[in-house]
Amino acid sequence: MVRKGIRDKVAIIGADATKYGELWDYNQYDLLYEAAHGAFDDAGITKDDIDAAWVGIFYYFTGLSGSTVEDILKLGGKPVTRTENYCASGMDAFRNACFAIASGAYDVVMACGVEKLMDEGSSGLPGFKIFGHPVFPTPSAPAMFSMAATRSFKEFGWQKEDLARVAVKNHENGYYHPKAHFRSKVDVDTVMRAPMIADPLGRFDCCAMSDGAAALILTTPEMAPSYAHGDDYVVVKANAISCRTNFPWYVPPGGPGADFTHFPATTKAAEYAYKEAGITNPRQEIDAAEVHDCFTITELINCQDLQFCERGQAAEELKNGTFNYDGETAVNPSGGLKSFGHPIGSTGCRMLQEITKQLQGRAEGRQVPDAKIGLCHNLGGAFCVCSVTILEQNQ
């Protein structure tokens, strides 16, 4: 059987996001309204032009069901679906919206994501004592990724200073983005001296709690020229998801677990996405990438798993400037999760709208020179679910 996929069947014609941060004066409905109407305006449509919508929401306290969207946008009973897939919830919402367009079921749809974390008052991600297995304990998110850091230090000879350079690069990029949560540059010494969270990950090695929303408008490439971005709409080349075990520390690496120097869900999702998009040399072909830097170690491993460099070489490539916004493969030119924080359900859609604007030459922060092909990467849970999307400038 030949899999047809969604390559070249979906176009992005509108995209926008709210500012991210500690948004005490806004609730999730305010954020959804702002992001959605920003995307409507960008596409040159109104909410009445939308046939259906998908929204990424992780936490129940942000919203249950598609009614979270209906309650603020008043779409008049049109189909709206909530998606939840750990940190890939927003990109999975986009994936489902793509399938809807590619199948011919709808003409114009919206993919969006939102999360309102700050109101919970937690010192970390809420719910870790409630969610999970009744017998097998779940470590905190920093603890999960600290295992990857210590193992990578042993296997690759990396040091804490190598992690610090990720934070320095991403905060440098975020400094220029008007919607970033954190817009302050940091140096290696500041990162190295920060309080420890989960050894060897310090405060600047961890992304922050944050609030925010993002939205995208999709249609077919045939219909795209009739909208506001008719001359510079962005084409979806692939979207792939891979899921692994929730408990990689209990499963041998030969099974669905991980050896903590790479994330199998990322390598498999990337394999699927590259095959569908026709990407054979990611390092040379991908101009700009928004990858899931929930922790500094994660970005280094991501760069290897996504084949932007050889295994064990990410720290050296970073040091040499390969992943700078004007380097060979720009990684997190927006500032990434390190600068925006991680409102879980919205992050995937934020990444997608960032890369969309990069490919259109209208990035809100640093513009990657001559970007034609972009990648978005979400990694969720105990590195058990990954979504990889490939976008291309309309030729």
Protein backbone atom coordinates (compact mmCIF):
# COMPACT_ATOMS: atom_id res chain seq x y z
CA MET A 1 0.00 0.00 0.00
CA VAL A 2 1.29 3.45 -0.92
CA ARG A 3 0.88 6.04 1.81
CA LYS A 4 -0.12 9.34 0.31
CA GLY A 5 0.48 11.49 3.39
CA ILE A 6 -0.23 15.22 3.51
CA ARG A 7 2.76 16.52 1.55
CA ASP A 8 1.85 19.62 -0.49
CA LYS A 9 -1.84 19.26 0.37
CA VAL A 10 -2.03 21.89 3.12
CA ALA A 11 -1.16 25.60 3.20
CA ILE A 12 -0.76 27.96 6.15
CA ILE A 13 -2.40 31.28 5.32
CA GLY A 14 -2.48 32.97 8.72
CA ALA A 15 -0.55 32.76 11.99
CA ASP A 16 -0.20 34.67 15.22
CA ALA A 17 0.60 34.32 18.92
CA THR A 18 0.15 36.27 22.11
CA LYS A 19 3.01 37.56 24.19
CA TYR A 20 4.20 34.81 26.54
CA GLY A 21 4.89 35.31 30.22
CA GLU A 22 3.28 35.75 33.63
CA LEU A 23 0.01 37.08 32.26
CA TRP A 24 -1.92 37.60 35.48
CA ASP A 25 -4.48 39.94 33.90
CA TYR A 26 -5.55 37.42 31.25
CA ASN A 27 -7.31 34.08 31.42
CA GLN A 28 -7.15 31.28 28.86
CA TYR A 29 -10.15 32.69 26.99
CA ASP A 30 -8.51 36.09 26.60
CA LEU A 31 -5.38 34.44 25.25
CA LEU A 32 -7.28 32.25 22.80
CA TYR A 33 -9.28 35.24 21.58
CA GLU A 34 -6.16 37.32 20.95
CA ALA A 35 -4.22 34.56 19.17
CA ALA A 36 -7.17 33.40 17.07
CA HIS A 37 -8.24 36.86 15.96
CA GLY A 38 -4.63 37.73 15.21
CA ALA A 39 -4.49 34.69 12.92
CA PHE A 40 -7.87 35.60 11.34
CA ASP A 41 -6.62 39.10 10.61
CA ASP A 42 -3.36 37.75 9.23
CA ALA A 43 -5.26 35.48 6.82
CA GLY A 44 -7.78 38.17 5.90
CA ILE A 45 -10.76 36.17 7.13
CA THR A 46 -13.32 36.25 9.92
CA LYS A 47 -14.30 33.52 12.34
CA ASP A 48 -17.29 32.74 10.10
CA ASP A 49 -14.91 31.43 7.43
CA ILE A 50 -13.68 28.67 9.74
CA ASP A 51 -15.20 25.23 9.10
CA ALA A 52 -13.65 23.46 12.10
CA ALA A 53 -10.95 23.86 14.73
CA TRP A 54 -8.55 21.87 16.88
CA VAL A 55 -7.05 23.15 20.11
CA GLY A 56 -4.07 21.82 22.03
CA ILE A 57 -4.60 21.88 25.81
CA PHE A 58 -2.70 19.72 28.27
CA TYR A 59 -4.14 20.55 31.67
CA TYR A 60 -7.77 20.06 32.65
CA PHE A 61 -7.77 23.38 34.53
CA THR A 62 -7.02 25.23 31.29
CA GLY A 63 -10.03 23.71 29.60
CA LEU A 64 -11.90 20.52 28.79
CA SER A 65 -13.23 19.74 25.31
CA GLY A 66 -13.50 21.97 22.27
CA SER A 67 -15.99 24.09 24.17
CA THR A 68 -13.04 26.04 25.55
CA VAL A 69 -12.72 27.55 22.06
CA GLU A 70 -16.47 27.85 21.48
CA ASP A 71 -17.00 29.72 24.74
CA ILE A 72 -14.81 32.61 23.59
CA LEU A 73 -14.94 32.55 19.77
CA LYS A 74 -18.65 31.71 19.41
CA LEU A 75 -18.30 29.59 16.28
CA GLY A 76 -21.97 28.70 16.31
CA GLY A 77 -21.73 24.99 17.01
CA LYS A 78 -19.06 24.17 14.44
CA PRO A 79 -16.84 21.14 15.24
CA VAL A 80 -14.01 21.86 17.66
CA THR A 81 -11.77 19.17 19.15
CA ARG A 82 -9.38 19.34 22.08
CA THR A 83 -6.13 17.38 21.64
CA GLU A 84 -3.80 16.25 24.42
CA ASN A 85 -0.47 14.55 23.77
CA TYR A 86 1.84 15.85 26.51
CA CYS A 87 4.05 18.70 25.29
CA ALA A 88 3.15 17.85 21.68
CA SER A 89 -0.52 18.74 22.25
CA GLY A 90 -0.40 21.92 20.15
CA MET A 91 1.46 20.32 17.26
CA ASP A 92 -0.93 17.36 17.38
CA ALA A 93 -3.82 19.81 17.06
CA PHE A 94 -2.09 21.14 13.95
CA ARG A 95 -1.59 17.57 12.69
CA ASN A 96 -5.29 16.81 12.97
CA ALA A 97 -6.18 20.08 11.27
CA CYS A 98 -3.81 19.17 8.42
CA PHE A 99 -5.50 15.80 7.97
CA ALA A 100 -8.88 17.52 7.80
CA ILE A 101 -7.74 19.78 4.95
CA ALA A 102 -5.77 17.09 3.11
CA SER A 103 -8.75 14.73 3.20
CA GLY A 104 -11.01 17.31 1.60
CA ALA A 105 -13.39 17.30 4.57
CA TYR A 106 -13.05 21.08 5.11
CA ASP A 107 -11.87 24.14 3.19
CA VAL A 108 -10.57 26.36 6.02
CA VAL A 109 -9.69 25.25 9.55
CA MET A 110 -7.88 26.58 12.60
CA ALA A 111 -5.23 24.89 14.73
CA CYS A 112 -4.52 26.58 18.05
CA GLY A 113 -3.07 25.92 21.47
CA VAL A 114 -3.33 27.54 24.88
CA GLU A 115 -2.23 26.94 28.45
CA LYS A 116 -2.78 28.99 31.61
CA LEU A 117 -0.23 27.71 34.10
CA MET A 118 0.65 30.65 36.29
CA ASP A 119 -2.68 30.85 38.11
CA GLU A 120 -2.07 27.42 39.67
CA GLY A 121 0.64 28.82 41.94
CA SER A 122 2.81 25.73 41.69
CA SER A 123 6.59 25.85 42.10
CA GLY A 124 6.82 23.48 39.13
CA LEU A 125 4.54 21.68 36.71
CA PRO A 126 1.26 20.83 38.47
CA GLY A 127 -0.03 17.30 38.70
CA PHE A 128 3.10 15.17 39.04
CA LYS A 129 1.75 13.65 42.27
CA ILE A 130 -1.63 12.97 40.69
CA PHE A 131 -0.82 11.77 37.18
CA GLY A 132 1.13 8.66 36.34
CA HIS A 133 1.45 5.01 37.31
CA PRO A 134 -0.01 3.86 40.66
CA VAL A 135 3.18 1.93 41.55
CA PHE A 136 6.05 3.26 39.44
CA PRO A 137 6.96 6.75 40.67
CA THR A 138 7.33 9.63 38.22
CA PRO A 139 10.31 11.94 38.69
CA SER A 140 10.01 15.67 38.14
CA ALA A 141 10.67 17.01 34.65
CA PRO A 142 14.12 18.40 35.62
CA ALA A 143 14.99 15.02 37.17
CA MET A 144 13.98 13.19 33.98
CA PHE A 145 16.28 15.28 31.83
CA SER A 146 19.10 15.44 34.38
CA MET A 147 19.53 11.72 33.71
CA ALA A 148 20.06 12.52 30.03
CA ALA A 149 22.59 15.19 30.97
CA THR A 150 24.71 13.02 33.26
CA ARG A 151 24.67 10.14 30.79
CA SER A 152 25.65 12.42 27.89
CA PHE A 153 28.45 13.91 29.99
CA LYS A 154 29.85 10.39 30.44
CA GLU A 155 29.35 9.20 26.87
CA PHE A 156 30.27 12.35 24.95
CA GLY A 157 32.58 14.14 27.37
CA TRP A 158 30.26 17.16 27.56
CA GLN A 159 30.46 19.54 30.51
CA LYS A 160 28.12 21.96 32.22
CA GLU A 161 29.66 24.82 30.23
CA ASP A 162 28.41 23.15 27.04
CA LEU A 163 24.87 23.34 28.40
CA ALA A 164 25.40 26.96 29.39
CA ARG A 165 26.13 27.91 25.77
CA VAL A 166 22.63 26.73 24.80
CA ALA A 167 21.09 29.11 27.33
CA VAL A 168 23.35 31.97 26.22
CA LYS A 169 22.40 31.48 22.54
CA ASN A 170 18.68 31.20 23.16
CA HIS A 171 18.46 34.14 25.57
CA GLU A 172 20.46 36.18 23.05
CA ASN A 173 17.82 35.35 20.42
CA GLY A 174 14.92 35.97 22.80
CA TYR A 175 16.28 39.42 23.62
CA TYR A 176 15.19 40.52 20.14
CA HIS A 177 11.71 38.95 20.19
CA PRO A 178 8.92 41.30 21.35
CA LYS A 179 6.69 38.42 22.52
CA ALA A 180 9.25 36.47 24.54
CA HIS A 181 8.75 35.96 28.29
CA PHE A 182 12.43 36.64 28.99
CA ARG A 183 14.22 39.36 27.01
CA SER A 184 17.52 39.56 28.84
CA LYS A 185 20.88 38.33 27.63
CA VAL A 186 22.94 36.08 29.92
CA ASP A 187 26.57 35.02 29.87
CA VAL A 188 28.17 31.66 30.58
CA ASP A 189 29.29 32.68 34.05
CA THR A 190 25.76 33.68 35.07
CA VAL A 191 24.36 30.37 33.86
CA MET A 192 27.09 28.39 35.60
CA ARG A 193 26.53 30.15 38.95
CA ALA A 194 22.73 29.82 38.97
CA PRO A 195 21.07 27.76 41.71
CA MET A 196 20.95 24.02 41.06
CA ILE A 197 17.57 22.48 40.18
CA ALA A 198 18.44 18.86 39.35
CA ASP A 199 22.18 18.27 39.08
CA PRO A 200 23.69 19.20 36.64
CA LEU A 201 20.75 21.34 35.49
CA GLY A 202 20.65 24.80 37.07
CA ARG A 203 18.02 27.50 36.87
CA PHE A 204 19.09 28.73 33.43
CA ASP A 205 19.18 25.16 32.09
CA CYS A 206 15.42 24.83 32.65
CA CYS A 207 12.60 26.52 30.78
CA ALA A 208 10.15 28.49 32.89
CA MET A 209 6.46 28.29 33.67
CA SER A 210 4.51 30.63 31.41
CA ASP A 211 1.11 31.53 29.91
CA GLY A 212 0.37 31.99 26.22
CA ALA A 213 -1.57 31.00 23.10
CA ALA A 214 -0.94 30.66 19.37
CA ALA A 215 -3.07 29.94 16.31
CA LEU A 216 -2.75 29.06 12.62
CA ILE A 217 -5.22 29.10 9.73
CA LEU A 218 -5.02 26.30 7.16
CA THR A 219 -6.49 25.70 3.71
CA THR A 220 -5.46 23.98 0.49
CA PRO A 221 -2.67 25.28 -1.77
CA GLU A 222 -5.30 25.68 -4.48
CA MET A 223 -7.37 28.03 -2.33
CA ALA A 224 -4.46 29.81 -0.63
CA PRO A 225 -3.86 32.43 -3.38
CA SER A 226 -7.28 33.95 -2.70
CA TYR A 227 -6.33 34.97 0.85
CA ALA A 228 -4.16 37.72 2.30
CA HIS A 229 -0.94 35.71 2.00
CA GLY A 230 -1.68 34.50 -1.51
CA ASP A 231 1.84 35.32 -2.64
CA ASP A 232 3.74 33.96 0.35
CA TYR A 233 1.69 31.21 1.98
CA VAL A 234 3.63 28.32 3.52
CA VAL A 235 3.23 24.70 2.42
CA VAL A 236 3.17 21.75 4.83
CA LYS A 237 5.60 19.09 3.63
CA ALA A 238 5.15 16.60 6.46
CA ASN A 239 3.95 16.08 10.01
CA ALA A 240 4.87 12.96 11.96
CA ILE A 241 4.37 11.72 15.50
CA SER A 242 6.08 8.88 17.34
CA CYS A 243 5.11 7.56 20.77
CA ARG A 244 7.23 5.47 23.13
CA THR A 245 6.94 4.24 26.72
CA ASN A 246 5.99 6.58 29.56
CA PHE A 247 8.63 4.89 31.75
CA PRO A 248 11.95 4.78 29.87
CA TRP A 249 13.96 4.34 33.09
CA TYR A 250 12.21 0.99 33.71
CA VAL A 251 12.61 -0.38 30.18
CA PRO A 252 15.86 -1.71 28.65
CA PRO A 253 17.26 0.49 25.85
CA GLY A 254 16.82 -2.42 23.42
CA GLY A 255 13.08 -2.14 23.98
CA PRO A 256 10.97 1.01 23.79
CA GLY A 257 13.08 2.73 26.44
CA ALA A 258 15.98 5.15 26.01
CA ASP A 259 19.72 5.06 26.63
CA PHE A 260 19.47 8.72 27.76
CA THR A 261 21.90 9.95 25.11
CA HIS A 262 19.19 10.10 22.46
CA PHE A 263 15.41 10.15 22.38
CA PRO A 264 13.97 7.32 20.22
CA ALA A 265 10.66 9.14 19.69
CA THR A 266 12.52 12.02 18.05
CA THR A 267 14.61 9.83 15.78
CA LYS A 268 11.54 7.91 14.61
CA ALA A 269 9.33 10.98 14.11
CA ALA A 270 12.16 12.66 12.20
CA GLU A 271 12.61 9.56 10.06
CA TYR A 272 8.91 9.59 9.16
CA ALA A 273 8.84 13.34 8.49
CA TYR A 274 12.02 13.44 6.40
CA LYS A 275 10.84 10.54 4.26
CA GLU A 276 7.49 12.19 3.53
CA ALA A 277 9.04 15.61 2.87
CA GLY A 278 11.84 14.21 0.72
CA ILE A 279 14.58 15.53 3.04
CA THR A 280 17.79 13.55 2.61
CA ASN A 281 20.34 15.86 4.24
CA PRO A 282 18.67 17.72 7.14
CA ARG A 283 21.74 19.75 8.05
CA GLN A 284 22.02 21.20 4.56
CA GLU A 285 18.32 21.40 3.73
CA ILE A 286 16.76 22.73 6.96
CA ASP A 287 17.36 26.49 7.22
CA ALA A 288 15.53 27.24 10.47
CA ALA A 289 14.32 24.98 13.27
CA GLU A 290 12.31 25.51 16.42
CA VAL A 291 13.18 22.56 18.65
CA HIS A 292 12.00 21.58 22.10
CA ASP A 293 14.57 23.12 24.46
CA CYS A 294 12.68 22.40 27.67
CA PHE A 295 16.17 21.95 29.09
CA THR A 296 19.54 22.90 27.64
CA ILE A 297 20.56 19.25 27.41
CA THR A 298 17.45 18.54 25.38
CA GLU A 299 18.45 20.96 22.63
CA LEU A 300 21.88 19.37 22.25
CA ILE A 301 20.39 15.88 22.01
CA ASN A 302 17.66 17.13 19.66
CA CYS A 303 20.26 18.52 17.25
CA GLN A 304 21.82 15.07 17.01
CA ASP A 305 18.54 13.15 16.82
CA LEU A 306 17.31 15.48 14.06
CA GLN A 307 20.58 14.87 12.15
CA PHE A 308 21.79 18.47 12.27
CA CYS A 309 25.16 17.07 13.34
CA GLU A 310 26.92 13.81 14.09
CA ARG A 311 26.23 11.96 17.33
CA GLY A 312 28.33 13.38 20.16
CA GLN A 313 29.21 16.54 18.21
CA ALA A 314 26.34 18.91 19.14
CA ALA A 315 28.28 20.74 21.86
CA GLU A 316 31.21 21.41 19.53
CA GLU A 317 28.93 22.48 16.67
CA LEU A 318 27.13 24.88 19.01
CA LYS A 319 30.45 26.33 20.14
CA ASN A 320 31.44 26.83 16.50
CA GLY A 321 28.25 28.77 15.69
CA THR A 322 26.53 26.14 13.53
CA PHE A 323 23.21 26.65 15.33
CA ASN A 324 23.27 30.45 15.55
CA TYR A 325 20.45 32.32 13.82
CA ASP A 326 22.86 33.14 10.98
CA GLY A 327 24.67 29.78 11.13
CA GLU A 328 24.39 26.76 8.90
CA THR A 329 21.26 25.45 10.64
CA ALA A 330 19.53 28.06 12.79
CA VAL A 331 18.14 26.45 15.95
CA ASN A 332 15.58 28.34 18.02
CA PRO A 333 16.07 31.75 16.40
CA SER A 334 13.02 32.93 18.39
CA GLY A 335 14.73 32.15 21.69
CA GLY A 336 12.90 28.85 22.14
CA LEU A 337 11.31 27.63 25.34
CA LYS A 338 14.23 29.12 27.25
CA SER A 339 13.01 32.61 26.32
CA PHE A 340 9.26 31.96 25.96
CA GLY A 341 8.63 29.51 28.74
CA HIS A 342 6.44 26.48 28.10
CA PRO A 343 2.65 26.88 28.31
CA ILE A 344 2.34 23.25 27.29
CA GLY A 345 -0.70 23.13 24.98
CA SER A 346 0.40 26.21 23.07
CA THR A 347 4.10 25.60 22.48
CA GLY A 348 3.75 23.51 19.32
CA CYS A 349 1.53 26.08 17.64
CA ARG A 350 3.89 28.88 18.70
CA MET A 351 6.78 27.05 17.06
CA LEU A 352 4.75 26.57 13.88
CA GLN A 353 3.77 30.21 13.61
CA GLU A 354 7.39 31.24 14.28
CA ILE A 355 8.70 29.10 11.42
CA THR A 356 5.84 30.18 9.16
CA LYS A 357 6.86 33.80 9.61
CA GLN A 358 10.55 32.96 9.19
CA LEU A 359 9.80 31.40 5.80
CA GLN A 360 7.77 34.47 4.84
CA GLY A 361 10.64 36.76 5.79
CA ARG A 362 8.65 38.51 8.52
CA ALA A 363 9.95 37.00 11.74
CA GLU A 364 9.04 39.06 14.80
CA GLY A 365 12.49 38.55 16.30
CA ARG A 366 15.68 37.62 14.52
CA GLN A 367 15.17 36.78 10.86
CA VAL A 368 17.08 33.79 9.54
CA PRO A 369 18.70 34.87 6.26
CA ASP A 370 17.04 33.40 3.15
CA ALA A 371 15.06 30.73 5.03
CA LYS A 372 13.19 28.42 2.64
CA ILE A 373 12.64 25.18 4.59
CA GLY A 374 11.85 25.01 8.30
CA LEU A 375 11.34 22.37 10.96
CA CYS A 376 9.33 22.33 14.19
CA HIS A 377 9.97 19.73 16.90
CA ASN A 378 7.98 18.99 20.07
CA LEU A 379 9.13 16.43 22.65
CA GLY A 380 6.73 15.54 25.43
CA GLY A 381 6.44 13.66 28.68
CA ALA A 382 9.32 11.40 29.65
CA PHE A 383 10.69 11.99 26.12
CA CYS A 384 7.99 9.54 25.05
CA VAL A 385 6.06 11.47 22.41
CA CYS A 386 7.53 13.56 19.62
CA SER A 387 6.05 15.55 16.76
CA VAL A 388 8.14 16.79 13.82
CA THR A 389 6.70 19.12 11.18
CA ILE A 390 8.41 20.26 7.97
CA LEU A 391 7.30 23.53 6.33
CA GLU A 392 8.44 25.10 3.07
CA GLN A 393 8.24 28.51 1.51
CA ASN A 394 5.79 28.54 -1.40
CA GLN A 395 7.81 28.18 -4.58
